[in-house]
């Protein structure tokens, strides 16, 4: 699959994993993202290796946003690790990430894309078409 790149103002969105700044992602995920606190560097590297990743970069090439999709590219996808660095929030970059994920050509036709969020329900509803689970009592999780 060829990387996709989009330009919006002074920012670039790319699915090229070679552009990802793993150190910035690890630092942000492990210390500032409530769902990934304490995540090891090795786990961040491994999770990226097995996912479709979206990065947003400033004009100077610095990584300022990220989203990751775990998928089989046929029937199921899980949107996770969505983040925009604090100093870049309020610029529409989170909205752009969500829109880019749901419109990605390799994810078209997938019946179910899921995610979990503590506080960004309206972002995902408005810009990705997400809705509450129809039958949450059917879903289960194994947490270790």
N, C-alpha and C. Protein backbone atom coordinates (compact mmCIF):
# COMPACT_ATOMS: atom_id res chain seq x y z
N UNK A 1 0.84 -1.17 0.00
CA UNK A 1 0.00 0.00 0.00
C UNK A 1 0.89 1.24 0.00
N UNK A 2 0.64 2.11 -0.92
CA UNK A 2 1.41 3.35 -1.01
C UNK A 2 0.94 4.34 0.04
N UNK A 3 1.87 5.09 0.63
CA UNK A 3 1.47 6.10 1.62
C UNK A 3 0.60 7.18 0.98
N UNK A 4 -0.30 7.70 1.77
CA UNK A 4 -1.17 8.81 1.36
C UNK A 4 -0.66 10.06 2.05
N UNK A 5 -0.61 11.17 1.32
CA UNK A 5 -0.22 12.45 1.90
C UNK A 5 -1.26 13.49 1.51
N UNK A 6 -1.62 14.32 2.47
CA UNK A 6 -2.55 15.43 2.24
C UNK A 6 -1.96 16.68 2.88
N UNK A 7 -2.24 17.79 2.28
CA UNK A 7 -1.78 19.08 2.79
C UNK A 7 -3.00 19.88 3.23
N UNK A 8 -2.90 20.53 4.37
CA UNK A 8 -3.96 21.44 4.84
C UNK A 8 -3.26 22.60 5.51
N UNK A 9 -3.23 23.72 4.82
CA UNK A 9 -2.52 24.88 5.35
C UNK A 9 -1.05 24.55 5.52
N UNK A 10 -0.53 24.80 6.71
CA UNK A 10 0.89 24.54 6.97
C UNK A 10 1.16 23.14 7.50
N UNK A 11 0.15 22.25 7.46
CA UNK A 11 0.30 20.91 8.01
C UNK A 11 0.19 19.85 6.91
N UNK A 12 0.90 18.75 7.14
CA UNK A 12 0.86 17.60 6.24
C UNK A 12 0.40 16.39 7.02
N UNK A 13 -0.55 15.66 6.46
CA UNK A 13 -0.98 14.38 7.02
C UNK A 13 -0.41 13.30 6.13
N UNK A 14 0.17 12.27 6.74
CA UNK A 14 0.81 11.21 5.97
C UNK A 14 0.61 9.86 6.65
N UNK A 15 0.49 8.81 5.83
CA UNK A 15 0.45 7.44 6.34
C UNK A 15 1.80 6.75 6.19
N UNK A 16 2.82 7.51 5.87
CA UNK A 16 4.18 6.98 5.72
C UNK A 16 4.79 6.78 7.10
N UNK A 17 4.93 5.52 7.53
CA UNK A 17 5.46 5.21 8.86
C UNK A 17 6.89 5.68 9.05
N UNK A 18 7.64 5.81 7.98
CA UNK A 18 9.04 6.24 8.11
C UNK A 18 9.14 7.68 8.62
N UNK A 19 8.05 8.44 8.53
CA UNK A 19 8.06 9.83 9.01
C UNK A 19 7.74 9.94 10.50
N UNK A 20 7.20 8.89 11.09
CA UNK A 20 6.78 8.95 12.49
C UNK A 20 7.96 9.21 13.42
N UNK A 21 7.75 10.07 14.39
CA UNK A 21 8.76 10.36 15.42
C UNK A 21 8.40 9.52 16.64
N UNK A 22 8.98 8.32 16.69
CA UNK A 22 8.64 7.35 17.72
C UNK A 22 8.91 7.90 19.12
N UNK A 23 9.98 8.65 19.28
CA UNK A 23 10.31 9.21 20.60
C UNK A 23 9.21 10.15 21.08
N UNK A 24 8.72 11.02 20.21
CA UNK A 24 7.64 11.94 20.57
C UNK A 24 6.37 11.16 20.88
N UNK A 25 6.07 10.17 20.06
CA UNK A 25 4.86 9.37 20.28
C UNK A 25 4.95 8.61 21.60
N UNK A 26 6.07 7.99 21.87
CA UNK A 26 6.23 7.26 23.12
C UNK A 26 6.09 8.21 24.31
N UNK A 27 6.77 9.33 24.25
CA UNK A 27 6.72 10.28 25.36
C UNK A 27 5.28 10.74 25.61
N UNK A 28 4.57 11.08 24.56
CA UNK A 28 3.21 11.58 24.70
C UNK A 28 2.28 10.48 25.19
N UNK A 29 2.33 9.32 24.55
CA UNK A 29 1.45 8.23 24.95
C UNK A 29 1.71 7.79 26.38
N UNK A 30 2.97 7.58 26.73
CA UNK A 30 3.29 6.99 28.03
C UNK A 30 3.14 7.96 29.19
N UNK A 31 3.15 9.27 28.91
CA UNK A 31 3.09 10.23 30.02
C UNK A 31 1.87 11.14 30.02
N UNK A 32 1.17 11.27 28.89
CA UNK A 32 0.08 12.24 28.82
C UNK A 32 -1.25 11.66 28.33
N UNK A 33 -1.26 10.48 27.77
CA UNK A 33 -2.49 9.88 27.26
C UNK A 33 -3.07 8.94 28.31
N UNK A 34 -4.25 9.25 28.85
CA UNK A 34 -4.81 8.48 29.96
C UNK A 34 -4.91 6.99 29.66
N UNK A 35 -5.09 6.61 28.40
CA UNK A 35 -5.27 5.21 28.03
C UNK A 35 -3.95 4.46 27.85
N UNK A 36 -2.84 5.17 27.83
CA UNK A 36 -1.56 4.51 27.53
C UNK A 36 -0.47 4.85 28.54
N UNK A 37 -0.84 5.35 29.69
CA UNK A 37 0.17 5.74 30.69
C UNK A 37 1.10 4.57 31.00
N UNK A 38 2.39 4.85 30.96
CA UNK A 38 3.38 3.83 31.26
C UNK A 38 3.68 2.87 30.12
N UNK A 39 3.10 3.07 28.96
CA UNK A 39 3.36 2.17 27.82
C UNK A 39 4.84 2.20 27.49
N UNK A 40 5.43 1.06 27.29
CA UNK A 40 6.87 0.99 27.01
C UNK A 40 7.19 1.42 25.58
N UNK A 41 8.41 1.84 25.39
CA UNK A 41 8.89 2.22 24.07
C UNK A 41 8.74 1.04 23.11
N UNK A 42 9.11 -0.14 23.56
CA UNK A 42 9.03 -1.34 22.73
C UNK A 42 7.60 -1.63 22.29
N UNK A 43 6.65 -1.41 23.19
CA UNK A 43 5.24 -1.64 22.87
C UNK A 43 4.77 -0.63 21.83
N UNK A 44 5.20 0.61 21.95
CA UNK A 44 4.84 1.63 20.95
C UNK A 44 5.39 1.21 19.58
N UNK A 45 6.63 0.80 19.54
CA UNK A 45 7.25 0.37 18.27
C UNK A 45 6.48 -0.80 17.67
N UNK A 46 6.19 -1.80 18.47
CA UNK A 46 5.49 -2.99 17.99
C UNK A 46 4.08 -2.66 17.53
N UNK A 47 3.38 -1.80 18.26
CA UNK A 47 2.01 -1.45 17.88
C UNK A 47 1.98 -0.71 16.54
N UNK A 48 2.95 0.14 16.32
CA UNK A 48 3.04 0.87 15.05
C UNK A 48 3.34 -0.08 13.90
N UNK A 49 4.22 -1.04 14.15
CA UNK A 49 4.60 -1.99 13.10
C UNK A 49 3.40 -2.77 12.56
N UNK A 50 2.40 -3.00 13.40
CA UNK A 50 1.26 -3.83 13.02
C UNK A 50 -0.03 -3.04 12.83
N UNK A 51 0.10 -1.76 12.50
CA UNK A 51 -1.08 -0.90 12.36
C UNK A 51 -0.95 0.01 11.15
N UNK A 52 -2.10 0.52 10.72
CA UNK A 52 -2.15 1.59 9.74
C UNK A 52 -2.04 2.89 10.54
N UNK A 53 -1.03 3.68 10.26
CA UNK A 53 -0.76 4.86 11.08
C UNK A 53 -0.91 6.15 10.28
N UNK A 54 -1.38 7.17 10.96
CA UNK A 54 -1.57 8.49 10.39
C UNK A 54 -0.79 9.48 11.23
N UNK A 55 0.09 10.25 10.61
CA UNK A 55 0.81 11.29 11.32
C UNK A 55 0.49 12.65 10.74
N UNK A 56 0.47 13.66 11.60
CA UNK A 56 0.35 15.03 11.13
C UNK A 56 1.64 15.74 11.52
N UNK A 57 2.15 16.53 10.57
CA UNK A 57 3.45 17.18 10.73
C UNK A 57 3.33 18.68 10.45
N UNK A 58 4.05 19.46 11.24
CA UNK A 58 4.08 20.91 11.02
C UNK A 58 4.99 21.20 9.84
N UNK A 59 5.03 22.44 9.44
CA UNK A 59 5.82 22.86 8.29
C UNK A 59 7.30 22.50 8.44
N UNK A 60 7.80 22.53 9.67
CA UNK A 60 9.21 22.19 9.91
C UNK A 60 9.45 20.69 10.08
N UNK A 61 8.41 19.88 9.86
CA UNK A 61 8.56 18.43 9.90
C UNK A 61 8.32 17.79 11.25
N UNK A 62 8.02 18.59 12.26
CA UNK A 62 7.78 18.04 13.60
C UNK A 62 6.44 17.32 13.65
N UNK A 63 6.42 16.16 14.33
CA UNK A 63 5.18 15.42 14.50
C UNK A 63 4.31 16.13 15.53
N UNK A 64 3.05 16.41 15.14
CA UNK A 64 2.13 17.12 16.03
C UNK A 64 0.83 16.34 16.26
N UNK A 65 0.59 15.30 15.47
CA UNK A 65 -0.63 14.51 15.63
C UNK A 65 -0.40 13.07 15.20
N UNK A 66 -1.28 12.19 15.67
CA UNK A 66 -1.12 10.76 15.39
C UNK A 66 -2.45 10.05 15.58
N UNK A 67 -2.68 9.03 14.78
CA UNK A 67 -3.78 8.09 14.98
C UNK A 67 -3.33 6.74 14.43
N UNK A 68 -3.85 5.70 15.05
CA UNK A 68 -3.46 4.34 14.66
C UNK A 68 -4.72 3.51 14.48
N UNK A 69 -4.72 2.66 13.43
CA UNK A 69 -5.85 1.78 13.17
C UNK A 69 -5.34 0.35 13.13
N UNK A 70 -5.91 -0.48 13.97
CA UNK A 70 -5.63 -1.91 13.97
C UNK A 70 -6.73 -2.55 13.13
N UNK A 71 -6.34 -3.26 12.07
CA UNK A 71 -7.36 -3.77 11.14
C UNK A 71 -6.89 -5.00 10.38
N UNK A 72 -7.87 -5.76 9.90
CA UNK A 72 -7.58 -6.85 8.97
C UNK A 72 -7.84 -6.40 7.52
N UNK A 73 -8.23 -5.14 7.34
CA UNK A 73 -8.50 -4.52 6.03
C UNK A 73 -9.67 -5.18 5.29
N UNK A 74 -10.45 -6.00 5.99
CA UNK A 74 -11.56 -6.68 5.32
C UNK A 74 -12.87 -6.53 6.09
N UNK A 75 -12.83 -6.76 7.41
CA UNK A 75 -14.08 -6.81 8.15
C UNK A 75 -14.12 -5.95 9.41
N UNK A 76 -12.97 -5.58 9.94
CA UNK A 76 -12.95 -4.94 11.26
C UNK A 76 -11.78 -3.98 11.38
N UNK A 77 -12.01 -2.88 12.10
CA UNK A 77 -10.93 -1.93 12.39
C UNK A 77 -11.19 -1.30 13.75
N UNK A 78 -10.11 -0.99 14.44
CA UNK A 78 -10.16 -0.34 15.74
C UNK A 78 -9.31 0.92 15.66
N UNK A 79 -9.94 2.07 15.82
CA UNK A 79 -9.24 3.35 15.82
C UNK A 79 -8.76 3.62 17.24
N UNK A 80 -7.46 3.89 17.38
CA UNK A 80 -6.91 4.07 18.72
C UNK A 80 -5.72 5.04 18.68
N UNK A 81 -5.25 5.38 19.87
CA UNK A 81 -4.07 6.24 20.04
C UNK A 81 -4.17 7.55 19.27
N UNK A 82 -5.36 8.10 19.22
CA UNK A 82 -5.55 9.39 18.55
C UNK A 82 -5.06 10.50 19.47
N UNK A 83 -4.15 11.32 18.97
CA UNK A 83 -3.64 12.40 19.80
C UNK A 83 -3.17 13.57 18.94
N UNK A 84 -3.28 14.75 19.52
CA UNK A 84 -2.72 15.97 18.97
C UNK A 84 -1.95 16.60 20.12
N UNK A 85 -0.70 16.95 19.88
CA UNK A 85 0.10 17.56 20.94
C UNK A 85 -0.61 18.80 21.46
N UNK A 86 -0.52 19.01 22.77
CA UNK A 86 -1.30 20.04 23.43
C UNK A 86 -1.16 21.43 22.80
N UNK A 87 0.04 21.81 22.43
CA UNK A 87 0.25 23.15 21.88
C UNK A 87 -0.31 23.31 20.46
N UNK A 88 -0.79 22.21 19.85
CA UNK A 88 -1.36 22.27 18.50
C UNK A 88 -2.87 22.03 18.49
N UNK A 89 -3.46 21.90 19.66
CA UNK A 89 -4.91 21.68 19.74
C UNK A 89 -5.66 22.95 19.39
N UNK A 90 -6.90 22.78 18.95
CA UNK A 90 -7.73 23.93 18.59
C UNK A 90 -7.52 24.41 17.16
N UNK A 91 -6.77 23.65 16.38
CA UNK A 91 -6.49 24.02 14.99
C UNK A 91 -7.21 23.09 13.99
N UNK A 92 -8.08 22.22 14.48
CA UNK A 92 -8.82 21.31 13.61
C UNK A 92 -8.05 20.06 13.23
N UNK A 93 -6.91 19.81 13.85
CA UNK A 93 -6.08 18.67 13.46
C UNK A 93 -6.70 17.33 13.89
N UNK A 94 -7.35 17.29 15.05
CA UNK A 94 -8.03 16.07 15.48
C UNK A 94 -9.18 15.73 14.54
N UNK A 95 -9.92 16.74 14.12
CA UNK A 95 -11.01 16.53 13.17
C UNK A 95 -10.46 15.95 11.86
N UNK A 96 -9.35 16.53 11.41
CA UNK A 96 -8.72 16.08 10.17
C UNK A 96 -8.28 14.62 10.30
N UNK A 97 -7.68 14.25 11.42
CA UNK A 97 -7.27 12.86 11.63
C UNK A 97 -8.46 11.90 11.50
N UNK A 98 -9.55 12.22 12.18
CA UNK A 98 -10.72 11.35 12.16
C UNK A 98 -11.27 11.25 10.74
N UNK A 99 -11.39 12.37 10.05
CA UNK A 99 -11.88 12.37 8.66
C UNK A 99 -10.96 11.54 7.76
N UNK A 100 -9.65 11.68 7.95
CA UNK A 100 -8.69 10.93 7.12
C UNK A 100 -8.80 9.43 7.36
N UNK A 101 -9.00 9.04 8.60
CA UNK A 101 -9.13 7.62 8.90
C UNK A 101 -10.36 7.05 8.21
N UNK A 102 -11.52 7.65 8.43
CA UNK A 102 -12.75 7.05 7.89
C UNK A 102 -12.84 7.14 6.37
N UNK A 103 -12.05 8.02 5.75
CA UNK A 103 -12.09 8.11 4.29
C UNK A 103 -10.92 7.38 3.62
N UNK A 104 -10.04 6.76 4.40
CA UNK A 104 -8.89 6.06 3.82
C UNK A 104 -9.36 4.95 2.88
N UNK A 105 -8.82 4.88 1.67
CA UNK A 105 -9.28 3.90 0.67
C UNK A 105 -9.22 2.45 1.16
N UNK A 106 -8.22 2.10 1.94
CA UNK A 106 -8.07 0.72 2.39
C UNK A 106 -9.09 0.34 3.47
N UNK A 107 -9.79 1.32 4.02
CA UNK A 107 -10.78 1.04 5.07
C UNK A 107 -12.21 1.11 4.57
N UNK A 108 -12.38 1.42 3.29
CA UNK A 108 -13.73 1.48 2.72
C UNK A 108 -14.28 0.06 2.62
N UNK A 109 -15.52 -0.10 2.92
CA UNK A 109 -16.14 -1.43 2.85
C UNK A 109 -16.06 -2.20 4.15
N UNK A 110 -15.28 -1.73 5.10
CA UNK A 110 -15.22 -2.39 6.39
C UNK A 110 -16.53 -2.12 7.12
N UNK A 111 -17.13 -3.18 7.61
CA UNK A 111 -18.45 -3.06 8.23
C UNK A 111 -18.40 -2.35 9.57
N UNK A 112 -17.35 -2.56 10.34
CA UNK A 112 -17.34 -2.01 11.70
C UNK A 112 -15.97 -1.44 12.04
N UNK A 113 -15.97 -0.15 12.36
CA UNK A 113 -14.80 0.50 12.93
C UNK A 113 -15.21 0.92 14.34
N UNK A 114 -14.44 0.51 15.33
CA UNK A 114 -14.77 0.82 16.71
C UNK A 114 -13.69 1.69 17.32
N UNK A 115 -14.03 2.29 18.44
CA UNK A 115 -13.06 3.06 19.22
C UNK A 115 -13.59 3.18 20.62
N UNK A 116 -12.73 3.62 21.52
CA UNK A 116 -13.14 3.90 22.89
C UNK A 116 -12.62 5.29 23.23
N UNK A 117 -13.45 6.07 23.91
CA UNK A 117 -13.04 7.41 24.32
C UNK A 117 -13.69 7.76 25.64
N UNK A 118 -12.97 8.53 26.41
CA UNK A 118 -13.52 8.99 27.69
C UNK A 118 -14.24 10.33 27.52
N UNK A 119 -13.78 11.14 26.56
CA UNK A 119 -14.28 12.51 26.54
C UNK A 119 -14.40 13.15 25.16
N UNK A 120 -14.23 12.40 24.09
CA UNK A 120 -14.27 13.02 22.75
C UNK A 120 -15.38 12.44 21.88
N UNK A 121 -16.47 12.07 22.49
CA UNK A 121 -17.58 11.46 21.75
C UNK A 121 -18.08 12.33 20.60
N UNK A 122 -18.23 13.62 20.85
CA UNK A 122 -18.77 14.51 19.82
C UNK A 122 -17.82 14.64 18.63
N UNK A 123 -16.52 14.68 18.88
CA UNK A 123 -15.53 14.72 17.78
C UNK A 123 -15.73 13.52 16.85
N UNK A 124 -15.80 12.33 17.41
CA UNK A 124 -15.92 11.12 16.60
C UNK A 124 -17.30 11.01 15.94
N UNK A 125 -18.32 11.45 16.64
CA UNK A 125 -19.68 11.41 16.08
C UNK A 125 -19.77 12.37 14.88
N UNK A 126 -19.29 13.57 15.06
CA UNK A 126 -19.44 14.62 14.05
C UNK A 126 -18.53 14.44 12.84
N UNK A 127 -17.29 14.04 13.07
CA UNK A 127 -16.32 13.99 11.97
C UNK A 127 -16.03 12.59 11.45
N UNK A 128 -16.53 11.58 12.14
CA UNK A 128 -16.30 10.22 11.68
C UNK A 128 -17.55 9.39 11.51
N UNK A 129 -18.69 9.94 11.94
CA UNK A 129 -19.93 9.19 11.81
C UNK A 129 -20.08 8.08 12.84
N UNK A 130 -19.32 8.13 13.91
CA UNK A 130 -19.40 7.10 14.94
C UNK A 130 -20.65 7.30 15.78
N UNK A 131 -21.16 6.21 16.34
CA UNK A 131 -22.31 6.27 17.22
C UNK A 131 -22.12 5.27 18.36
N UNK A 132 -22.96 5.40 19.37
CA UNK A 132 -22.89 4.47 20.50
C UNK A 132 -23.08 3.04 19.98
N UNK A 133 -22.49 2.07 20.66
CA UNK A 133 -22.70 0.67 20.30
C UNK A 133 -24.18 0.34 20.39
N UNK A 134 -24.68 -0.36 19.39
CA UNK A 134 -26.10 -0.72 19.37
C UNK A 134 -26.43 -1.75 20.45
N UNK A 135 -25.51 -2.65 20.71
CA UNK A 135 -25.75 -3.70 21.72
C UNK A 135 -24.47 -3.88 22.55
N UNK A 136 -24.17 -2.92 23.41
CA UNK A 136 -22.92 -3.02 24.17
C UNK A 136 -22.85 -4.26 25.05
N UNK A 137 -24.00 -4.80 25.41
CA UNK A 137 -24.00 -6.00 26.24
C UNK A 137 -23.45 -7.23 25.51
N UNK A 138 -23.31 -7.15 24.20
CA UNK A 138 -22.74 -8.25 23.43
C UNK A 138 -21.21 -8.20 23.39
N UNK A 139 -20.64 -7.04 23.66
CA UNK A 139 -19.20 -6.87 23.58
C UNK A 139 -18.54 -7.29 24.89
N UNK A 140 -17.39 -7.88 24.75
CA UNK A 140 -16.63 -8.30 25.92
C UNK A 140 -15.18 -7.91 25.70
N UNK A 141 -14.43 -7.88 26.78
CA UNK A 141 -13.01 -7.56 26.68
C UNK A 141 -12.24 -8.40 27.69
N UNK A 142 -11.03 -8.72 27.35
CA UNK A 142 -10.12 -9.38 28.27
C UNK A 142 -9.02 -8.36 28.56
N UNK A 143 -8.91 -7.97 29.79
CA UNK A 143 -7.93 -6.97 30.19
C UNK A 143 -6.90 -7.63 31.09
N UNK A 144 -5.64 -7.43 30.75
CA UNK A 144 -4.60 -8.00 31.61
C UNK A 144 -3.57 -6.97 31.98
